[in-house]
Amino acid sequence: MLKLKNKSFKIITENLKEKARPIDRERFNFHFNNAGPEKLLAEIKKYQNEDGGFGQALEPDFRLPLSTPMATSIALRYLKNLDNTKPAQALIKRAISYLEKSFNQSRKGWYAVNKEVNNYPHTPWWHYDEEAKMTVIDKNWGNPSAELLAYLYRYKDYNKSIDLNPLIDYAVEQINEKDKYESENEIYCYLKLYEEVDSKTKPLLKGNIAEGIKQLIVYDQNKWQEYVPLPLDFVPAPEKESFGVSESKIEANLDFYVELIEKSRDTLVKPPWGESFYQTDLKETYQEWQGNWTLKILITLNNYGRIEK
């Protein structure tokens, strides 16, 4: 079992401080330096718009300043760690109001972004198709709708207009109808929903989530340098439901991450999807991703006690 050496942790921490976005620096301070929530909340708040939703390139791959359900899902993911504080609750309440307003009745959920995304720099997978009336991301209903339902369920006291019970049933129906699972990102969203729903609903989701993971997970360690769904993407902490993910492969994935940080400590970890999409007006984006990706790995290693203290 490998552990990230304390010296390497300190070196890459200094690089995070220098190169990561302020929001990711404050997320690091919150997770690793026992920082209070105030500075992190201040950074999160910078991404919230007047309508209560989040935008302002919180999702680095599209630079749209307007609110979107996708960016709002990311903000709520961060705010969940802080939701025992009144300032965070105020941001969450406004975000839930935005989700009520942006809910699409015919979809029984949300589209990830709106067509205005095309007016700003964005990677190809975020391009809005005028004919299809959505992006390629929206071909899978659960991303981000399943995750957003998770937050509506968690913060149901703030929800005034959306009837959650039939939507939860619809989410179950959507995943139960699948024979072939094509989007690991959709499964990640369903994992968020699974964490929040009641004990009666969990069994209705569990088998299909496990099947989706089984179809999508990459156990071949020769491919782990590529952008593929790894064991830790599905089980990012030891207290999480494992859904049948191999324990030995989780340990191997942790070793892989330790070695990756050790190799990258003098810079930051480069996201495995590469730099080719970020050559022109998205150049700053790839740097942002390096800070975000490095932090994701460090948090996962810390969850499993794989960083030397």
C-alpha atoms as a PDB file:
ATOM      1  CA  MET A   1       0.000   0.000   0.000  1.00  0.00           C
ATOM      2  CA  LEU A   2       1.516   3.279  -1.139  1.00  0.00           C
ATOM      3  CA  LYS A   3       1.081   6.574   0.668  1.00  0.00           C
ATOM      4  CA  LEU A   4       1.729  10.034  -0.725  1.00  0.00           C
ATOM      5  CA  LYS A   5       4.914  11.280   0.913  1.00  0.00           C
ATOM      6  CA  ASN A   6       4.485  14.334   3.097  1.00  0.00           C
ATOM      7  CA  LYS A   7       7.214  16.149   1.144  1.00  0.00           C
ATOM      8  CA  SER A   8       5.389  15.565  -2.150  1.00  0.00           C
ATOM      9  CA  PHE A   9       2.107  16.658  -0.597  1.00  0.00           C
ATOM     10  CA  LYS A  10       3.688  19.932   0.524  1.00  0.00           C
ATOM     11  CA  ILE A  11       5.259  20.590  -2.886  1.00  0.00           C
ATOM     12  CA  ILE A  12       2.051  20.025  -4.836  1.00  0.00           C
ATOM     13  CA  THR A  13       0.146  22.051  -2.249  1.00  0.00           C
ATOM     14  CA  GLU A  14       2.360  25.035  -3.009  1.00  0.00           C
ATOM     15  CA  ASN A  15       1.648  24.595  -6.708  1.00  0.00           C
ATOM     16  CA  LEU A  16      -2.074  24.471  -6.001  1.00  0.00           C
ATOM     17  CA  LYS A  17      -1.837  27.737  -4.091  1.00  0.00           C
ATOM     18  CA  GLU A  18      -0.046  29.347  -7.009  1.00  0.00           C
ATOM     19  CA  LYS A  19      -1.928  27.944  -9.997  1.00  0.00           C
ATOM     20  CA  ALA A  20      -5.421  26.806  -9.016  1.00  0.00           C
ATOM     21  CA  ARG A  21      -8.546  28.963  -9.141  1.00  0.00           C
ATOM     22  CA  PRO A  22      -9.373  30.800  -5.911  1.00  0.00           C
ATOM     23  CA  ILE A  23     -12.410  28.554  -5.401  1.00  0.00           C
ATOM     24  CA  ASP A  24     -10.262  25.425  -5.593  1.00  0.00           C
ATOM     25  CA  ARG A  25      -7.650  26.942  -3.302  1.00  0.00           C
ATOM     26  CA  GLU A  26     -10.346  27.602  -0.724  1.00  0.00           C
ATOM     27  CA  ARG A  27     -11.796  24.127  -1.202  1.00  0.00           C
ATOM     28  CA  PHE A  28      -8.315  22.788  -0.443  1.00  0.00           C
ATOM     29  CA  ASN A  29      -8.067  24.935   2.678  1.00  0.00           C
ATOM     30  CA  PHE A  30     -11.463  23.707   3.839  1.00  0.00           C
ATOM     31  CA  HIS A  31     -10.629  20.027   3.325  1.00  0.00           C
ATOM     32  CA  PHE A  32      -7.011  20.045   4.472  1.00  0.00           C
ATOM     33  CA  ASN A  33      -6.275  23.103   6.616  1.00  0.00           C
ATOM     34  CA  ASN A  34      -9.314  23.100   8.915  1.00  0.00           C
ATOM     35  CA  ALA A  35     -10.352  26.428   7.428  1.00  0.00           C
ATOM     36  CA  GLY A  36     -13.769  27.746   8.343  1.00  0.00           C
ATOM     37  CA  PRO A  37     -16.398  27.988   5.603  1.00  0.00           C
ATOM     38  CA  GLU A  38     -16.362  31.772   5.249  1.00  0.00           C
ATOM     39  CA  LYS A  39     -13.732  32.175   2.508  1.00  0.00           C
ATOM     40  CA  LEU A  40     -14.972  29.201   0.517  1.00  0.00           C
ATOM     41  CA  LEU A  41     -18.538  30.481   0.676  1.00  0.00           C
ATOM     42  CA  ALA A  42     -17.349  33.884  -0.516  1.00  0.00           C
ATOM     43  CA  GLU A  43     -15.747  32.252  -3.557  1.00  0.00           C
ATOM     44  CA  ILE A  44     -18.795  30.107  -4.329  1.00  0.00           C
ATOM     45  CA  LYS A  45     -21.022  33.169  -4.061  1.00  0.00           C
ATOM     46  CA  LYS A  46     -19.052  34.884  -6.855  1.00  0.00           C
ATOM     47  CA  TYR A  47     -20.503  32.346  -9.285  1.00  0.00           C
ATOM     48  CA  GLN A  48     -24.137  32.896  -8.264  1.00  0.00           C
ATOM     49  CA  ASN A  49     -26.290  35.105 -10.458  1.00  0.00           C
ATOM     50  CA  GLU A  50     -29.260  37.312  -9.593  1.00  0.00           C
ATOM     51  CA  ASP A  51     -31.701  34.540 -10.543  1.00  0.00           C
ATOM     52  CA  GLY A  52     -30.183  32.265  -7.882  1.00  0.00           C
ATOM     53  CA  GLY A  53     -28.546  29.926 -10.379  1.00  0.00           C
ATOM     54  CA  PHE A  54     -24.836  29.525 -10.939  1.00  0.00           C
ATOM     55  CA  GLY A  55     -22.754  30.326 -14.002  1.00  0.00           C
ATOM     56  CA  GLN A  56     -19.666  32.468 -14.587  1.00  0.00           C
ATOM     57  CA  ALA A  57     -17.679  29.462 -15.901  1.00  0.00           C
ATOM     58  CA  LEU A  58     -17.919  27.482 -12.665  1.00  0.00           C
ATOM     59  CA  GLU A  59     -17.860  24.519 -15.064  1.00  0.00           C
ATOM     60  CA  PRO A  60     -14.607  25.476 -16.810  1.00  0.00           C
ATOM     61  CA  ASP A  61     -15.442  23.952 -20.196  1.00  0.00           C
ATOM     62  CA  PHE A  62     -18.078  26.546 -21.025  1.00  0.00           C
ATOM     63  CA  ARG A  63     -17.504  30.225 -20.272  1.00  0.00           C
ATOM     64  CA  LEU A  64     -21.167  31.232 -20.308  1.00  0.00           C
ATOM     65  CA  PRO A  65     -21.808  33.756 -17.508  1.00  0.00           C
ATOM     66  CA  LEU A  66     -25.561  33.009 -17.383  1.00  0.00           C
ATOM     67  CA  SER A  67     -26.995  30.468 -14.961  1.00  0.00           C
ATOM     68  CA  THR A  68     -27.331  26.854 -16.045  1.00  0.00           C
ATOM     69  CA  PRO A  69     -28.601  23.713 -14.316  1.00  0.00           C
ATOM     70  CA  MET A  70     -25.197  22.094 -14.879  1.00  0.00           C
ATOM     71  CA  ALA A  71     -23.203  24.833 -13.159  1.00  0.00           C
ATOM     72  CA  THR A  72     -25.814  24.939 -10.401  1.00  0.00           C
ATOM     73  CA  SER A  73     -25.352  21.208  -9.788  1.00  0.00           C
ATOM     74  CA  ILE A  74     -21.619  21.777  -9.277  1.00  0.00           C
ATOM     75  CA  ALA A  75     -22.237  24.639  -6.846  1.00  0.00           C
ATOM     76  CA  LEU A  76     -24.693  22.562  -4.823  1.00  0.00           C
ATOM     77  CA  ARG A  77     -22.151  19.721  -4.747  1.00  0.00           C
ATOM     78  CA  TYR A  78     -19.740  22.096  -3.002  1.00  0.00           C
ATOM     79  CA  LEU A  79     -22.387  23.707  -0.798  1.00  0.00           C
ATOM     80  CA  LYS A  80     -23.536  20.326   0.515  1.00  0.00           C
ATOM     81  CA  ASN A  81     -20.312  20.201   2.574  1.00  0.00           C
ATOM     82  CA  LEU A  82     -21.216  23.535   4.166  1.00  0.00           C
ATOM     83  CA  ASP A  83     -24.976  23.279   4.549  1.00  0.00           C
ATOM     84  CA  ASN A  84     -24.948  23.358   8.337  1.00  0.00           C
ATOM     85  CA  THR A  85     -24.168  27.089   8.137  1.00  0.00           C
ATOM     86  CA  LYS A  86     -26.730  29.845   7.595  1.00  0.00           C
ATOM     87  CA  PRO A  87     -24.754  31.643   4.840  1.00  0.00           C
ATOM     88  CA  ALA A  88     -24.597  28.411   2.838  1.00  0.00           C
ATOM     89  CA  GLN A  89     -28.288  27.789   3.415  1.00  0.00           C
ATOM     90  CA  ALA A  90     -29.062  31.221   1.985  1.00  0.00           C
ATOM     91  CA  LEU A  91     -27.149  30.389  -1.224  1.00  0.00           C
ATOM     92  CA  ILE A  92     -28.805  26.971  -1.433  1.00  0.00           C
ATOM     93  CA  LYS A  93     -32.292  28.427  -0.992  1.00  0.00           C
ATOM     94  CA  ARG A  94     -31.745  30.774  -3.934  1.00  0.00           C
ATOM     95  CA  ALA A  95     -30.299  27.928  -6.026  1.00  0.00           C
ATOM     96  CA  ILE A  96     -33.373  25.776  -5.360  1.00  0.00           C
ATOM     97  CA  SER A  97     -35.561  28.687  -6.455  1.00  0.00           C
ATOM     98  CA  TYR A  98     -33.600  28.817  -9.730  1.00  0.00           C
ATOM     99  CA  LEU A  99     -34.063  25.068 -10.238  1.00  0.00           C
ATOM    100  CA  GLU A 100     -37.808  25.482  -9.787  1.00  0.00           C
ATOM    101  CA  LYS A 101     -37.857  28.199 -12.446  1.00  0.00           C
ATOM    102  CA  SER A 102     -35.638  26.309 -14.905  1.00  0.00           C
ATOM    103  CA  PHE A 103     -37.425  22.958 -14.529  1.00  0.00           C
ATOM    104  CA  ASN A 104     -38.644  21.614 -17.883  1.00  0.00           C
ATOM    105  CA  GLN A 105     -42.048  19.971 -17.519  1.00  0.00           C
ATOM    106  CA  SER A 106     -41.925  18.008 -20.763  1.00  0.00           C
ATOM    107  CA  ARG A 107     -38.478  16.601 -19.960  1.00  0.00           C
ATOM    108  CA  LYS A 108     -39.417  15.957 -16.341  1.00  0.00           C
ATOM    109  CA  GLY A 109     -36.031  17.368 -15.502  1.00  0.00           C
ATOM    110  CA  TRP A 110     -33.498  19.869 -16.735  1.00  0.00           C
ATOM    111  CA  TYR A 111     -31.379  20.439 -19.794  1.00  0.00           C
ATOM    112  CA  ALA A 112     -27.751  20.938 -18.838  1.00  0.00           C
ATOM    113  CA  VAL A 113     -27.311  24.323 -20.533  1.00  0.00           C
ATOM    114  CA  ASN A 114     -29.233  26.718 -22.752  1.00  0.00           C
ATOM    115  CA  LYS A 115     -28.496  27.775 -26.298  1.00  0.00           C
ATOM    116  CA  GLU A 116     -26.643  30.914 -25.197  1.00  0.00           C
ATOM    117  CA  VAL A 117     -23.706  28.639 -24.395  1.00  0.00           C
ATOM    118  CA  ASN A 118     -22.784  28.882 -28.081  1.00  0.00           C
ATOM    119  CA  ASN A 119     -22.114  32.620 -27.730  1.00  0.00           C
ATOM    120  CA  TYR A 120     -19.112  31.998 -25.488  1.00  0.00           C
ATOM    121  CA  PRO A 121     -15.997  29.821 -25.685  1.00  0.00           C
ATOM    122  CA  HIS A 122     -16.824  26.166 -25.021  1.00  0.00           C
ATOM    123  CA  THR A 123     -15.513  22.700 -25.736  1.00  0.00           C
ATOM    124  CA  PRO A 124     -17.265  20.671 -28.469  1.00  0.00           C
ATOM    125  CA  TRP A 125     -19.273  18.505 -26.067  1.00  0.00           C
ATOM    126  CA  TRP A 126     -20.988  21.618 -24.718  1.00  0.00           C
ATOM    127  CA  HIS A 127     -22.115  22.889 -28.107  1.00  0.00           C
ATOM    128  CA  TYR A 128     -25.872  23.429 -28.261  1.00  0.00           C
ATOM    129  CA  ASP A 129     -27.430  21.716 -31.288  1.00  0.00           C
ATOM    130  CA  GLU A 130     -30.169  24.011 -32.595  1.00  0.00           C
ATOM    131  CA  GLU A 131     -31.877  21.146 -34.410  1.00  0.00           C
ATOM    132  CA  ALA A 132     -31.859  18.720 -31.469  1.00  0.00           C
ATOM    133  CA  LYS A 133     -32.548  21.569 -29.008  1.00  0.00           C
ATOM    134  CA  MET A 134     -29.900  20.263 -26.627  1.00  0.00           C
ATOM    135  CA  THR A 135     -26.243  19.338 -26.248  1.00  0.00           C
ATOM    136  CA  VAL A 136     -24.835  15.841 -26.640  1.00  0.00           C
ATOM    137  CA  ILE A 137     -24.662  15.709 -22.828  1.00  0.00           C
ATOM    138  CA  ASP A 138     -28.471  15.803 -22.690  1.00  0.00           C
ATOM    139  CA  LYS A 139     -28.827  12.483 -24.514  1.00  0.00           C
ATOM    140  CA  ASN A 140     -28.594  10.919 -21.069  1.00  0.00           C
ATOM    141  CA  TRP A 141     -31.447  12.201 -18.914  1.00  0.00           C
ATOM    142  CA  GLY A 142     -29.757  11.696 -15.561  1.00  0.00           C
ATOM    143  CA  ASN A 143     -26.933  14.156 -16.178  1.00  0.00           C
ATOM    144  CA  PRO A 144     -27.617  16.493 -14.441  1.00  0.00           C
ATOM    145  CA  SER A 145     -31.299  15.805 -13.655  1.00  0.00           C
ATOM    146  CA  ALA A 146     -30.699  12.889 -11.263  1.00  0.00           C
ATOM    147  CA  GLU A 147     -28.160  14.912  -9.298  1.00  0.00           C
ATOM    148  CA  LEU A 148     -30.397  17.969  -9.176  1.00  0.00           C
ATOM    149  CA  LEU A 149     -33.243  15.814  -7.877  1.00  0.00           C
ATOM    150  CA  ALA A 150     -30.869  14.694  -5.128  1.00  0.00           C
ATOM    151  CA  TYR A 151     -30.452  18.281  -3.967  1.00  0.00           C
ATOM    152  CA  LEU A 152     -34.148  19.056  -4.253  1.00  0.00           C
ATOM    153  CA  TYR A 153     -34.795  16.019  -2.083  1.00  0.00           C
ATOM    154  CA  ARG A 154     -32.131  17.020   0.441  1.00  0.00           C
ATOM    155  CA  TYR A 155     -33.386  20.602   0.600  1.00  0.00           C
ATOM    156  CA  LYS A 156     -37.089  19.841   0.172  1.00  0.00           C
ATOM    157  CA  ASP A 157     -38.017  22.511   2.712  1.00  0.00           C
ATOM    158  CA  TYR A 158     -36.929  25.156   0.187  1.00  0.00           C
ATOM    159  CA  ASN A 159     -38.856  23.604  -2.703  1.00  0.00           C
ATOM    160  CA  LYS A 160     -42.217  25.303  -3.214  1.00  0.00           C
ATOM    161  CA  SER A 161     -43.443  24.132  -6.615  1.00  0.00           C
ATOM    162  CA  ILE A 162     -41.927  20.822  -7.788  1.00  0.00           C
ATOM    163  CA  ASP A 163     -43.717  17.591  -6.826  1.00  0.00           C
ATOM    164  CA  LEU A 164     -40.763  15.364  -6.005  1.00  0.00           C
ATOM    165  CA  ASN A 165     -42.364  11.944  -5.578  1.00  0.00           C
ATOM    166  CA  PRO A 166     -43.364  11.382  -9.237  1.00  0.00           C
ATOM    167  CA  LEU A 167     -39.972  12.723 -10.337  1.00  0.00           C
ATOM    168  CA  ILE A 168     -38.136  10.263  -8.116  1.00  0.00           C
ATOM    169  CA  ASP A 169     -40.320   7.522  -9.619  1.00  0.00           C
ATOM    170  CA  TYR A 170     -39.417   8.805 -13.088  1.00  0.00           C
ATOM    171  CA  ALA A 171     -35.707   8.747 -12.250  1.00  0.00           C
ATOM    172  CA  VAL A 172     -36.031   5.130 -11.128  1.00  0.00           C
ATOM    173  CA  GLU A 173     -37.942   4.313 -14.302  1.00  0.00           C
ATOM    174  CA  GLN A 174     -35.303   5.958 -16.493  1.00  0.00           C
ATOM    175  CA  ILE A 175     -32.426   3.902 -15.128  1.00  0.00           C
ATOM    176  CA  ASN A 176     -34.474   0.700 -14.906  1.00  0.00           C
ATOM    177  CA  GLU A 177     -35.292   0.880 -18.616  1.00  0.00           C
ATOM    178  CA  LYS A 178     -31.645   0.768 -19.648  1.00  0.00           C
ATOM    179  CA  ASP A 179     -30.028  -2.352 -21.062  1.00  0.00           C
ATOM    180  CA  LYS A 180     -26.852  -0.600 -22.143  1.00  0.00           C
ATOM    181  CA  TYR A 181     -25.222   2.138 -20.099  1.00  0.00           C
ATOM    182  CA  GLU A 182     -23.294   4.687 -22.128  1.00  0.00           C
ATOM    183  CA  SER A 183     -22.489   7.540 -19.716  1.00  0.00           C
ATOM    184  CA  GLU A 184     -20.440   7.208 -16.564  1.00  0.00           C
ATOM    185  CA  ASN A 185     -21.309  10.847 -15.817  1.00  0.00           C
ATOM    186  CA  GLU A 186     -24.972   9.893 -15.665  1.00  0.00           C
ATOM    187  CA  ILE A 187     -24.130   7.141 -13.175  1.00  0.00           C
ATOM    188  CA  TYR A 188     -22.186   9.649 -11.058  1.00  0.00           C
ATOM    189  CA  CYS A 189     -25.374  11.733 -10.909  1.00  0.00           C
ATOM    190  CA  TYR A 190     -27.427   8.711  -9.892  1.00  0.00           C
ATOM    191  CA  LEU A 191     -24.935   8.011  -7.116  1.00  0.00           C
ATOM    192  CA  LYS A 192     -25.705  11.479  -5.735  1.00  0.00           C
ATOM    193  CA  LEU A 193     -29.430  10.689  -5.884  1.00  0.00           C
ATOM    194  CA  TYR A 194     -28.914   7.304  -4.215  1.00  0.00           C
ATOM    195  CA  GLU A 195     -27.203   9.012  -1.267  1.00  0.00           C
ATOM    196  CA  GLU A 196     -30.200  11.248  -0.589  1.00  0.00           C
ATOM    197  CA  VAL A 197     -33.308   9.143  -1.176  1.00  0.00           C
ATOM    198  CA  ASP A 198     -35.119   7.186   1.528  1.00  0.00           C
ATOM    199  CA  SER A 199     -34.627   3.533   2.432  1.00  0.00           C
ATOM    200  CA  LYS A 200     -37.582   2.453   0.283  1.00  0.00           C
ATOM    201  CA  THR A 201     -36.158   4.024  -2.866  1.00  0.00           C
ATOM    202  CA  LYS A 202     -32.530   2.939  -2.473  1.00  0.00           C
ATOM    203  CA  PRO A 203     -33.208  -0.729  -3.388  1.00  0.00           C
ATOM    204  CA  LEU A 204     -35.044   0.409  -6.520  1.00  0.00           C
ATOM    205  CA  LEU A 205     -31.876   2.150  -7.723  1.00  0.00           C
ATOM    206  CA  LYS A 206     -29.129  -0.057  -6.351  1.00  0.00           C
ATOM    207  CA  GLY A 207     -29.210  -2.950  -8.814  1.00  0.00           C
ATOM    208  CA  ASN A 208     -29.266  -0.779 -11.896  1.00  0.00           C
ATOM    209  CA  ILE A 209     -26.538   1.508 -10.613  1.00  0.00           C
ATOM    210  CA  ALA A 210     -24.421  -1.581  -9.938  1.00  0.00           C
ATOM    211  CA  GLU A 211     -25.108  -2.871 -13.455  1.00  0.00           C
ATOM    212  CA  GLY A 212     -24.223   0.508 -14.961  1.00  0.00           C
ATOM    213  CA  ILE A 213     -20.945   0.563 -13.074  1.00  0.00           C
ATOM    214  CA  LYS A 214     -20.199  -3.016 -14.120  1.00  0.00           C
ATOM    215  CA  GLN A 215     -20.653  -2.094 -17.786  1.00  0.00           C
ATOM    216  CA  LEU A 216     -18.690   1.155 -17.649  1.00  0.00           C
ATOM    217  CA  ILE A 217     -15.853   0.709 -15.146  1.00  0.00           C
ATOM    218  CA  VAL A 218     -12.362   0.138 -16.528  1.00  0.00           C
ATOM    219  CA  TYR A 219     -10.347  -2.374 -14.517  1.00  0.00           C
ATOM    220  CA  ASP A 220      -7.515  -2.640 -17.065  1.00  0.00           C
ATOM    221  CA  GLN A 221      -4.721  -0.663 -15.392  1.00  0.00           C
ATOM    222  CA  ASN A 222      -2.947  -0.211 -18.728  1.00  0.00           C
ATOM    223  CA  LYS A 223      -5.765   2.153 -19.700  1.00  0.00           C
ATOM    224  CA  TRP A 224      -5.837   4.238 -16.527  1.00  0.00           C
ATOM    225  CA  GLN A 225      -3.763   7.015 -18.073  1.00  0.00           C
ATOM    226  CA  GLU A 226      -6.662   7.591 -20.478  1.00  0.00           C
ATOM    227  CA  TYR A 227      -9.915   9.401 -19.700  1.00  0.00           C
ATOM    228  CA  VAL A 228     -11.867   6.384 -18.494  1.00  0.00           C
ATOM    229  CA  PRO A 229     -14.079   5.722 -15.451  1.00  0.00           C
ATOM    230  CA  LEU A 230     -11.893   4.346 -12.656  1.00  0.00           C
ATOM    231  CA  PRO A 231     -12.948   2.440  -9.518  1.00  0.00           C
ATOM    232  CA  LEU A 232     -12.488   5.510  -7.315  1.00  0.00           C
ATOM    233  CA  ASP A 233     -14.776   7.561  -9.530  1.00  0.00           C
ATOM    234  CA  PHE A 234     -17.605   5.353  -8.282  1.00  0.00           C
ATOM    235  CA  VAL A 235     -16.366   4.791  -4.710  1.00  0.00           C
ATOM    236  CA  PRO A 236     -14.524   8.026  -3.783  1.00  0.00           C
ATOM    237  CA  ALA A 237     -14.527   7.328  -0.035  1.00  0.00           C
ATOM    238  CA  PRO A 238     -14.470   4.125   2.043  1.00  0.00           C
ATOM    239  CA  GLU A 239     -17.825   4.860   3.694  1.00  0.00           C
ATOM    240  CA  LYS A 240     -19.600   5.016   0.320  1.00  0.00           C
ATOM    241  CA  GLU A 241     -21.656   2.134  -1.055  1.00  0.00           C
ATOM    242  CA  SER A 242     -19.314   0.015  -3.205  1.00  0.00           C
ATOM    243  CA  PHE A 243     -21.919  -1.419  -5.645  1.00  0.00           C
ATOM    244  CA  GLY A 244     -19.723  -4.470  -6.164  1.00  0.00           C
ATOM    245  CA  VAL A 245     -16.632  -2.532  -7.245  1.00  0.00           C
ATOM    246  CA  SER A 246     -13.551  -4.690  -6.662  1.00  0.00           C
ATOM    247  CA  GLU A 247     -11.812  -3.791  -3.397  1.00  0.00           C
ATOM    248  CA  SER A 248      -8.448  -4.862  -4.784  1.00  0.00           C
ATOM    249  CA  LYS A 249      -8.926  -2.532  -7.759  1.00  0.00           C
ATOM    250  CA  ILE A 250      -9.837   0.331  -5.423  1.00  0.00           C
ATOM    251  CA  GLU A 251      -6.523  -0.246  -3.645  1.00  0.00           C
ATOM    252  CA  ALA A 252      -4.713  -0.415  -6.996  1.00  0.00           C
ATOM    253  CA  ASN A 253      -6.407   2.823  -8.064  1.00  0.00           C
ATOM    254  CA  LEU A 254      -5.193   4.492  -4.859  1.00  0.00           C
ATOM    255  CA  ASP A 255      -1.634   3.332  -5.600  1.00  0.00           C
ATOM    256  CA  PHE A 256      -2.028   4.706  -9.131  1.00  0.00           C
ATOM    257  CA  TYR A 257      -3.136   8.087  -7.769  1.00  0.00           C
ATOM    258  CA  VAL A 258      -0.224   8.230  -5.312  1.00  0.00           C
ATOM    259  CA  GLU A 259       2.230   7.591  -8.133  1.00  0.00           C
ATOM    260  CA  LEU A 260       0.446  10.134 -10.348  1.00  0.00           C
ATOM    261  CA  ILE A 261       0.756  12.871  -7.713  1.00  0.00           C
ATOM    262  CA  GLU A 262       4.389  11.950  -7.057  1.00  0.00           C
ATOM    263  CA  LYS A 263       5.146  12.346 -10.778  1.00  0.00           C
ATOM    264  CA  SER A 264       3.173  15.598 -11.061  1.00  0.00           C
ATOM    265  CA  ARG A 265       4.202  17.245  -7.804  1.00  0.00           C
ATOM    266  CA  ASP A 266       6.401  19.895  -9.473  1.00  0.00           C
ATOM    267  CA  THR A 267       3.437  21.082 -11.548  1.00  0.00           C
ATOM    268  CA  LEU A 268      -0.124  19.801 -11.209  1.00  0.00           C
ATOM    269  CA  VAL A 269      -1.917  16.718 -12.504  1.00  0.00           C
ATOM    270  CA  LYS A 270      -2.941  17.122 -16.122  1.00  0.00           C
ATOM    271  CA  PRO A 271      -6.486  15.922 -16.891  1.00  0.00           C
ATOM    272  CA  PRO A 272      -6.400  12.742 -18.981  1.00  0.00           C
ATOM    273  CA  TRP A 273      -8.557  14.113 -21.797  1.00  0.00           C
ATOM    274  CA  GLY A 274      -5.613  16.232 -22.941  1.00  0.00           C
ATOM    275  CA  GLU A 275      -4.912  19.795 -23.950  1.00  0.00           C
ATOM    276  CA  SER A 276      -5.914  19.722 -27.611  1.00  0.00           C
ATOM    277  CA  PHE A 277      -9.362  21.285 -27.028  1.00  0.00           C
ATOM    278  CA  TYR A 278      -7.885  24.304 -25.233  1.00  0.00           C
ATOM    279  CA  GLN A 279      -5.552  25.883 -27.758  1.00  0.00           C
ATOM    280  CA  THR A 280      -7.303  29.171 -28.547  1.00  0.00           C
ATOM    281  CA  ASP A 281      -9.849  31.066 -26.453  1.00  0.00           C
ATOM    282  CA  LEU A 282      -9.982  28.303 -23.820  1.00  0.00           C
ATOM    283  CA  LYS A 283      -6.301  28.371 -22.863  1.00  0.00           C
ATOM    284  CA  GLU A 284      -6.990  29.411 -19.258  1.00  0.00           C
ATOM    285  CA  THR A 285      -9.448  26.553 -18.935  1.00  0.00           C
ATOM    286  CA  TYR A 286      -6.861  23.787 -19.052  1.00  0.00           C
ATOM    287  CA  GLN A 287      -4.921  25.425 -16.233  1.00  0.00           C
ATOM    288  CA  GLU A 288      -8.124  25.613 -14.204  1.00  0.00           C
ATOM    289  CA  TRP A 289      -8.750  21.940 -14.801  1.00  0.00           C
ATOM    290  CA  GLN A 290      -5.289  21.002 -13.565  1.00  0.00           C
ATOM    291  CA  GLY A 291      -5.986  22.604 -10.197  1.00  0.00           C
ATOM    292  CA  ASN A 292      -9.454  21.065 -10.007  1.00  0.00           C
ATOM    293  CA  TRP A 293      -8.265  17.593 -11.049  1.00  0.00           C
ATOM    294  CA  THR A 294      -5.316  17.618  -8.652  1.00  0.00           C
ATOM    295  CA  LEU A 295      -7.608  18.597  -5.791  1.00  0.00           C
ATOM    296  CA  LYS A 296     -10.072  15.823  -6.653  1.00  0.00           C
ATOM    297  CA  ILE A 297      -7.293  13.243  -6.412  1.00  0.00           C
ATOM    298  CA  LEU A 298      -5.883  14.663  -3.178  1.00  0.00           C
ATOM    299  CA  ILE A 299      -9.328  14.621  -1.533  1.00  0.00           C
ATOM    300  CA  THR A 300      -9.818  10.990  -2.584  1.00  0.00           C
ATOM    301  CA  LEU A 301      -6.399   9.959  -1.252  1.00  0.00           C
ATOM    302  CA  ASN A 302      -7.149  11.753   1.998  1.00  0.00           C
ATOM    303  CA  ASN A 303     -10.531  10.006   2.274  1.00  0.00           C
ATOM    304  CA  TYR A 304      -8.707   6.673   2.249  1.00  0.00           C
ATOM    305  CA  GLY A 305      -5.880   7.739   4.565  1.00  0.00           C
ATOM    306  CA  ARG A 306      -3.297   7.558   1.810  1.00  0.00           C
ATOM    307  CA  ILE A 307      -1.439  10.819   2.604  1.00  0.00           C
ATOM    308  CA  GLU A 308       1.420  10.805   5.107  1.00  0.00           C
ATOM    309  CA  LYS A 309       0.715  13.160   7.993  1.00  0.00           C
END
